Protein backbone atom coordinates (compact mmCIF):
# COMPACT_ATOMS: atom_id res chain seq x y z
CA MET A 1 -9.42 -7.58 -32.35
CA SER A 2 -12.57 -7.97 -30.22
CA SER A 3 -14.77 -4.94 -29.76
CA LEU A 4 -15.29 -3.43 -26.20
CA VAL A 5 -17.91 -0.87 -27.53
CA LYS A 6 -21.34 -1.50 -29.62
CA THR A 7 -22.00 0.06 -32.87
CA SER A 8 -24.59 2.07 -31.33
CA TYR A 9 -22.00 4.05 -29.19
CA SER A 10 -19.43 4.35 -32.30
CA HIS A 11 -22.02 5.66 -34.56
CA ASN A 12 -23.20 8.24 -31.77
CA VAL A 13 -19.67 9.26 -31.39
CA ALA A 14 -19.18 9.83 -35.24
CA SER A 15 -22.58 11.70 -35.37
CA THR A 16 -21.54 13.83 -32.38
CA ALA A 17 -18.24 14.64 -33.69
CA MET A 18 -19.65 15.80 -37.16
CA ALA A 19 -22.38 17.77 -35.17
CA MET A 20 -19.48 19.48 -33.42
CA CYS A 21 -17.66 20.38 -36.39
CA SER A 22 -20.75 21.88 -38.20
CA SER A 23 -21.90 23.69 -35.15
CA PHE A 24 -18.45 25.01 -34.10
CA CYS A 25 -17.12 26.16 -37.41
CA PRO A 26 -19.89 28.42 -38.43
CA GLN A 27 -19.57 30.51 -35.19
CA ILE A 28 -16.18 31.68 -36.08
CA PRO A 29 -16.59 35.58 -36.26
CA ASN A 30 -16.76 36.97 -39.85
CA GLN A 31 -13.72 39.42 -38.95
CA PHE A 32 -11.40 36.50 -38.38
CA ARG A 33 -12.36 34.63 -41.68
CA GLY A 34 -9.68 34.67 -44.39
CA ARG A 35 -7.00 36.46 -42.44
CA PRO A 36 -3.43 35.66 -42.12
CA ILE A 37 -2.37 34.58 -38.59
CA SER A 38 -0.04 37.38 -38.64
CA SER A 39 -3.10 39.95 -38.71
CA PHE A 40 -4.61 38.61 -35.34
CA PRO A 41 -3.94 41.01 -32.39
CA SER A 42 -1.44 39.45 -30.08
CA ARG A 43 -0.25 40.16 -26.58
CA GLN A 44 3.42 41.56 -25.78
CA PRO A 45 5.36 38.49 -25.79
CA PHE A 46 6.75 37.59 -22.20
CA SER A 47 10.08 36.41 -21.34
CA VAL A 48 10.47 32.63 -21.62
CA PRO A 49 13.98 31.96 -20.17
CA PHE A 50 14.62 28.09 -19.96
CA LYS A 51 17.65 25.76 -19.62
CA ALA A 52 18.07 22.11 -20.76
CA PHE A 53 19.68 19.59 -18.57
CA THR A 54 20.19 15.95 -18.44
CA SER A 55 19.08 13.94 -15.33
CA GLN A 56 22.85 13.37 -14.69
CA ALA A 57 23.57 17.23 -14.02
CA ASN A 58 26.23 17.77 -11.13
CA ILE A 59 24.20 19.43 -8.59
CA LYS A 60 26.33 21.25 -5.65
CA GLU A 61 24.49 20.54 -2.01
CA ASP A 62 24.56 24.25 -1.17
CA GLN A 63 22.35 24.71 -4.34
CA LEU A 64 19.57 22.58 -2.88
CA PRO A 65 16.88 23.80 -0.37
CA ALA A 66 17.71 21.82 2.81
CA ARG A 67 14.39 20.02 3.33
CA ILE A 68 12.21 18.97 0.50
CA GLY A 69 8.48 17.67 1.01
CA PHE A 70 6.55 15.67 -1.52
CA LEU A 71 2.71 15.18 -1.66
CA GLY A 72 1.18 12.79 -3.71
CA ILE A 73 3.06 9.52 -4.49
CA GLY A 74 1.52 8.01 -7.35
CA ILE A 75 2.57 7.13 -10.95
CA MET A 76 4.24 10.45 -11.43
CA GLY A 77 4.83 11.36 -7.83
CA SER A 78 6.71 8.29 -6.69
CA PRO A 79 9.67 8.33 -9.44
CA MET A 80 10.03 12.17 -8.99
CA ALA A 81 10.32 11.82 -5.30
CA GLN A 82 12.72 8.77 -5.74
CA ASN A 83 15.07 11.01 -8.24
CA LEU A 84 15.29 13.60 -5.35
CA ILE A 85 16.08 11.13 -2.67
CA LYS A 86 18.83 9.19 -4.97
CA ALA A 87 20.41 12.81 -5.55
CA GLY A 88 20.79 13.08 -1.76
CA CYS A 89 18.01 15.28 -0.98
CA ASP A 90 16.36 15.11 2.33
CA VAL A 91 12.80 14.24 1.21
CA THR A 92 9.55 14.04 3.55
CA VAL A 93 6.65 12.23 1.79
CA TRP A 94 2.66 12.02 2.36
CA ASN A 95 -0.03 10.19 0.40
CA ARG A 96 -3.34 9.32 1.27
CA THR A 97 -2.55 5.47 0.84
CA LYS A 98 0.61 5.24 3.31
CA SER A 99 1.73 1.96 1.80
CA LYS A 100 2.77 3.84 -1.37
CA CYS A 101 5.24 5.67 0.44
CA GLU A 102 6.74 2.56 1.78
CA PRO A 103 9.50 2.15 -1.06
CA LEU A 104 10.51 5.53 -0.73
CA ILE A 105 10.71 5.50 3.10
CA SER A 106 12.87 2.32 2.31
CA LEU A 107 15.18 4.65 0.44
CA GLY A 108 15.44 7.21 3.18
CA ALA A 109 12.51 9.29 3.18
CA LYS A 110 10.79 10.65 6.19
CA TYR A 111 6.73 10.28 6.39
CA LYS A 112 4.29 12.70 7.80
CA SER A 113 0.57 12.01 8.29
CA PHE A 114 -0.78 15.31 6.88
CA PRO A 115 0.19 17.70 4.06
CA GLU A 116 0.28 20.47 6.70
CA GLU A 117 2.99 18.50 8.66
CA VAL A 118 5.00 18.06 5.60
CA ALA A 119 4.90 21.55 4.70
CA ALA A 120 5.60 22.64 8.23
CA SER A 121 8.83 20.72 8.26
CA CYS A 122 10.18 21.56 5.11
CA ASP A 123 11.69 24.35 3.10
CA VAL A 124 9.95 23.59 -0.44
CA THR A 125 7.09 21.39 -0.56
CA PHE A 126 6.14 19.72 -4.11
CA SER A 127 2.70 18.29 -4.66
CA MET A 128 1.80 16.08 -7.77
CA LEU A 129 -2.16 15.28 -7.40
CA ALA A 130 -4.59 13.47 -9.93
CA ASP A 131 -7.24 16.44 -10.44
CA PRO A 132 -8.11 20.03 -9.62
CA GLU A 133 -10.28 18.92 -6.59
CA SER A 134 -7.53 16.67 -5.07
CA ALA A 135 -5.07 19.65 -6.01
CA VAL A 136 -7.16 22.03 -3.88
CA ASP A 137 -7.73 19.72 -1.03
CA VAL A 138 -4.18 19.02 -0.34
CA ALA A 139 -3.30 22.73 -0.60
CA CYS A 140 -6.16 24.35 1.00
CA GLY A 141 -8.18 21.73 2.78
CA LYS A 142 -8.59 20.84 6.33
CA HIS A 143 -4.99 19.68 6.82
CA GLY A 144 -3.72 20.94 3.79
CA ALA A 145 -0.18 22.33 3.13
CA ALA A 146 -1.41 25.85 3.31
CA ASN A 147 -1.66 25.19 7.19
CA GLY A 148 1.98 24.47 7.65
CA MET A 149 3.24 27.23 5.47
CA SER A 150 4.97 30.42 6.68
CA PRO A 151 7.21 33.22 5.18
CA GLY A 152 10.37 31.73 3.94
CA LYS A 153 8.95 28.49 2.61
CA GLY A 154 7.66 27.77 -0.81
CA TYR A 155 4.96 25.54 -2.31
CA VAL A 156 5.46 24.07 -5.84
CA ASP A 157 2.38 22.36 -7.46
CA VAL A 158 3.20 20.34 -10.18
CA SER A 159 -0.14 18.81 -10.96
CA THR A 160 -2.24 19.36 -14.20
CA VAL A 161 -5.05 21.78 -13.16
CA ASP A 162 -6.86 24.60 -14.62
CA GLY A 163 -5.73 28.11 -14.60
CA GLU A 164 -8.31 29.13 -11.98
CA THR A 165 -7.63 26.26 -9.45
CA SER A 166 -3.80 27.10 -9.94
CA LYS A 167 -4.65 30.67 -8.87
CA LEU A 168 -6.72 29.69 -6.15
CA ILE A 169 -3.87 27.59 -4.85
CA TYR A 170 -1.37 30.33 -5.54
CA GLY A 171 -3.47 32.91 -3.46
CA ARG A 172 -3.94 30.71 -0.43
CA ILE A 173 -0.36 29.93 -0.09
CA LYS A 174 0.62 33.49 -0.58
CA ALA A 175 -1.87 34.69 2.07
CA THR A 176 0.62 32.69 4.41
CA GLY A 177 3.62 34.74 3.49
CA ALA A 178 5.25 31.94 1.54
CA LEU A 179 5.96 31.79 -2.00
CA SER A 180 4.07 29.58 -4.83
CA LEU A 181 4.88 28.15 -8.22
CA GLU A 182 2.82 26.23 -10.48
CA ALA A 183 5.00 23.72 -12.61
CA PRO A 184 3.13 21.15 -14.29
CA VAL A 185 5.04 18.56 -16.30
CA SER A 186 5.18 17.52 -19.78
CA GLY A 187 6.15 13.69 -19.87
CA SER A 188 4.58 10.44 -18.26
CA LYS A 189 5.81 7.64 -16.03
CA LYS A 190 9.19 6.69 -18.05
CA PRO A 191 10.18 10.24 -18.43
CA ALA A 192 9.67 10.71 -14.72
CA GLU A 193 11.66 7.67 -14.07
CA ASP A 194 14.42 8.83 -16.10
CA GLY A 195 14.60 12.47 -14.85
CA GLN A 196 13.28 13.49 -18.35
CA LEU A 197 10.36 15.81 -17.68
CA ILE A 198 9.73 19.06 -19.15
CA PHE A 199 8.59 21.61 -16.24
CA LEU A 200 6.27 24.36 -17.39
CA THR A 201 6.49 27.03 -14.32
CA ALA A 202 4.62 30.18 -13.59
CA GLY A 203 4.36 32.31 -10.60
CA ASP A 204 7.18 33.65 -8.12
CA LYS A 205 10.23 34.07 -9.90
CA SER A 206 12.30 33.82 -6.98
CA LEU A 207 10.99 30.66 -5.99
CA TYR A 208 11.60 29.41 -9.40
CA ASP A 209 15.23 30.42 -9.26
CA THR A 210 15.32 28.64 -5.89
CA VAL A 211 13.94 25.18 -6.96
CA ALA A 212 15.84 25.01 -10.41
CA PRO A 213 18.34 22.78 -9.33
CA LEU A 214 15.41 20.36 -7.86
CA LEU A 215 13.72 20.77 -11.29
CA ASP A 216 16.84 19.87 -13.07
CA ILE A 217 17.20 16.53 -10.98
CA MET A 218 13.61 15.52 -11.96
CA GLY A 219 13.63 16.86 -15.59
CA LYS A 220 15.64 17.87 -18.76
CA SER A 221 14.23 21.26 -19.21
CA ARG A 222 12.46 23.90 -17.75
CA PHE A 223 10.36 27.08 -18.80
CA TYR A 224 9.52 29.97 -16.97
CA LEU A 225 6.15 31.43 -18.26
CA GLY A 226 5.56 34.31 -16.06
CA ASP A 227 2.25 35.11 -14.42
CA ILE A 228 0.28 32.09 -12.48
CA GLY A 229 -2.08 30.49 -14.75
CA ASN A 230 0.40 30.42 -17.96
CA GLY A 231 1.99 27.04 -16.81
CA ALA A 232 -1.47 25.59 -16.45
CA ALA A 233 -2.62 26.87 -19.93
CA MET A 234 0.60 25.55 -21.57
CA LYS A 235 0.19 22.23 -20.19
CA LEU A 236 -3.65 21.78 -21.26
CA VAL A 237 -2.69 22.97 -24.97
CA VAL A 238 0.08 20.27 -24.94
CA ASN A 239 -2.03 17.58 -23.76
CA MET A 240 -4.91 18.67 -25.96
CA ILE A 241 -2.86 18.21 -28.86
CA MET A 242 -1.57 14.93 -27.65
CA GLY A 243 -5.17 13.41 -26.93
CA SER A 244 -6.19 14.25 -30.53
CA MET A 245 -2.86 13.18 -31.80
CA MET A 246 -3.81 9.56 -30.35
CA ALA A 247 -7.10 9.62 -31.34
CA SER A 248 -6.25 9.95 -35.06
CA PHE A 249 -3.38 7.60 -34.61
CA SER A 250 -6.09 4.97 -33.58
CA GLU A 251 -8.18 5.44 -36.49
CA GLY A 252 -5.15 5.12 -38.79
CA LEU A 253 -4.00 1.77 -37.20
CA LEU A 254 -7.61 0.31 -37.58
CA LEU A 255 -8.06 1.56 -40.97
CA SER A 256 -4.95 -0.02 -42.24
CA GLU A 257 -5.88 -3.13 -40.85
CA LYS A 258 -9.23 -2.90 -42.09
CA VAL A 259 -7.98 -2.43 -45.94
CA GLY A 260 -5.85 -5.32 -45.38
CA LEU A 261 -2.17 -3.40 -44.46
CA ASP A 262 -0.08 -4.51 -41.69
CA PRO A 263 -0.66 -1.94 -38.91
CA SER A 264 2.85 -2.58 -37.51
CA VAL A 265 4.27 -1.48 -41.07
CA LEU A 266 2.36 1.47 -40.68
CA VAL A 267 3.85 2.37 -37.47
CA GLU A 268 7.40 2.07 -39.24
CA VAL A 269 6.32 4.30 -42.10
CA VAL A 270 5.04 6.90 -40.11
CA SER A 271 8.13 6.97 -37.57
CA GLN A 272 10.53 7.70 -40.62
CA GLY A 273 8.16 10.47 -42.21
CA ALA A 274 7.54 14.19 -41.34
CA ILE A 275 4.83 13.06 -38.91
CA SER A 276 6.96 11.01 -36.79
CA ALA A 277 6.38 11.22 -33.05
CA PRO A 278 7.98 9.19 -30.26
CA MET A 279 4.43 8.54 -28.99
CA TYR A 280 3.50 6.49 -32.14
CA SER A 281 6.63 4.38 -31.96
CA MET A 282 6.46 3.72 -28.10
CA LYS A 283 2.47 3.10 -28.11
CA GLY A 284 1.77 1.75 -31.42
CA PRO A 285 3.07 -2.00 -31.23
CA SER A 286 1.26 -2.63 -27.95
CA MET A 287 -1.85 -1.07 -29.46
CA ILE A 288 -1.73 -3.41 -32.02
CA GLN A 289 -1.76 -6.22 -29.61
CA SER A 290 -4.56 -4.51 -27.74
CA LEU A 291 -2.30 -3.93 -24.68
CA TYR A 292 -2.50 -0.75 -22.71
CA PRO A 293 -0.09 -0.70 -19.98
CA THR A 294 -0.43 2.36 -18.05
CA ALA A 295 2.11 5.23 -18.60
CA PHE A 296 -0.67 8.22 -18.62
CA PRO A 297 -4.33 6.71 -17.55
CA LEU A 298 -6.73 7.57 -19.93
CA LYS A 299 -9.14 9.05 -17.25
CA HIS A 300 -6.31 11.84 -16.75
CA GLN A 301 -6.10 12.43 -20.54
CA GLN A 302 -10.06 12.92 -20.87
CA LYS A 303 -9.93 15.30 -17.67
CA ASP A 304 -7.07 17.30 -19.53
CA LEU A 305 -9.17 17.45 -22.82
CA ARG A 306 -12.31 18.78 -20.71
CA LEU A 307 -10.21 21.47 -19.13
CA ALA A 308 -8.72 22.47 -22.64
CA LEU A 309 -11.92 22.71 -24.03
CA GLY A 310 -13.12 24.96 -20.83
CA LEU A 311 -9.97 27.08 -21.57
CA ALA A 312 -10.95 27.37 -25.16
CA GLU A 313 -14.40 28.26 -24.56
CA SER A 314 -13.30 30.95 -22.28
CA VAL A 315 -11.56 32.98 -24.80
CA SER A 316 -14.34 31.73 -27.77
CA GLN A 317 -11.56 29.69 -29.54
CA PRO A 318 -13.30 27.09 -31.62
CA THR A 319 -11.75 23.28 -30.83
CA PRO A 320 -13.90 20.80 -32.87
CA ILE A 321 -11.06 18.34 -33.27
CA ALA A 322 -10.44 18.49 -29.48
CA ALA A 323 -14.02 18.14 -28.81
CA ALA A 324 -14.53 15.28 -30.90
CA ALA A 325 -11.71 13.29 -29.66
CA ASN A 326 -12.92 13.99 -25.93
CA GLU A 327 -16.04 12.15 -27.07
CA LEU A 328 -13.88 9.26 -27.90
CA TYR A 329 -12.18 9.29 -24.36
CA LYS A 330 -15.41 9.78 -22.59
CA VAL A 331 -16.93 6.61 -24.53
CA ALA A 332 -13.72 4.63 -23.35
CA LYS A 333 -14.30 5.79 -19.77
CA SER A 334 -17.75 4.24 -19.87
CA HIS A 335 -16.50 0.83 -20.87
CA GLY A 336 -14.06 0.55 -18.00
CA LEU A 337 -10.93 1.63 -19.40
CA SER A 338 -10.34 4.99 -17.06
CA ASP A 339 -7.16 3.34 -15.54
CA GLN A 340 -5.73 1.64 -18.84
CA ASP A 341 -3.36 3.82 -20.71
CA PHE A 342 -4.90 6.81 -22.81
CA SER A 343 -3.80 4.69 -25.85
CA ALA A 344 -6.66 2.37 -25.02
CA VAL A 345 -8.81 5.07 -26.71
CA ILE A 346 -8.77 2.68 -29.76
CA GLU A 347 -11.20 0.59 -28.29
CA SER A 348 -13.72 3.38 -28.73
CA LEU A 349 -13.44 3.14 -32.31
CA LYS A 350 -13.43 -0.73 -32.91
CA GLY A 351 -17.02 -1.27 -32.94
CA LYS A 352 -17.78 0.61 -35.77
CA LEU A 353 -14.73 -0.39 -37.97
CA GLN A 354 -15.14 -4.02 -37.32
CA GLN A 355 -18.75 -4.16 -38.77
């Protein structure tokens, strides 16, 4: 395998990770040391009603909002909007690059030139943007969706953002008299295409109830998590775990090859054991060939790790493993792998292991 990362970079990453672990762990307050998890103070658990559906669930037309908007037609937004169109929904779309909307227009979608025009013409508007800055701009900017919102309408942000961003958007939409819901998704390109996403929602419960049939078209399950910000927090925790898992899996693949084992056999062994995860069997074979077809861009995984680390810092929760993984994704980004699949993080480890 060819190395994309110089040895010095990998050495620095390893040193940084060790420094992080040594600096994080001693900072755990003494009163929390040596105590079982059950002894920690906990919040009153909130209600988490949810229901699982297949993407083939039969949805009656009178259960659906009449006009649906979709802002952000990218890797995730395009298949999500397409599933709504195929289910018979009246969908209006917008994207900064109009050409990305053309396949949906050919399927029957309408097009508007600005987010505010989409929101003004629709009962419920979904948005799927790449990062917090884009999510705020599309919702609250000069021609943002909020300018087209009014009482009786709803705004559902399915982007992955931090809690503060989600609350900012929620407040701006609520100021118009409309309802607002955050609903980030767990799942990448293929689950989006197959209508197998998992929605992590929070905010206005009445809007959640209204859009539930639409979520069931695009996903296999949905969770209502209560107050705004809880959906964002849950998504960041999930993606923090996923990013750390991929970094560790990358180490295992390279180590197995380095000691003379067949990494393909490692993938099979892992897939049959207690640590089996679909991600390993789906990504492993292409990673072994140094191929990273994009389902979830590496730059988005690193963004989510960054936001998760910020969330952890805000509540004084040490996360040294995620912090070390984040450094690997940053190295991969610095070597031009931002738009590759997040499994390309393995390249940030090859320099050291191939000495």
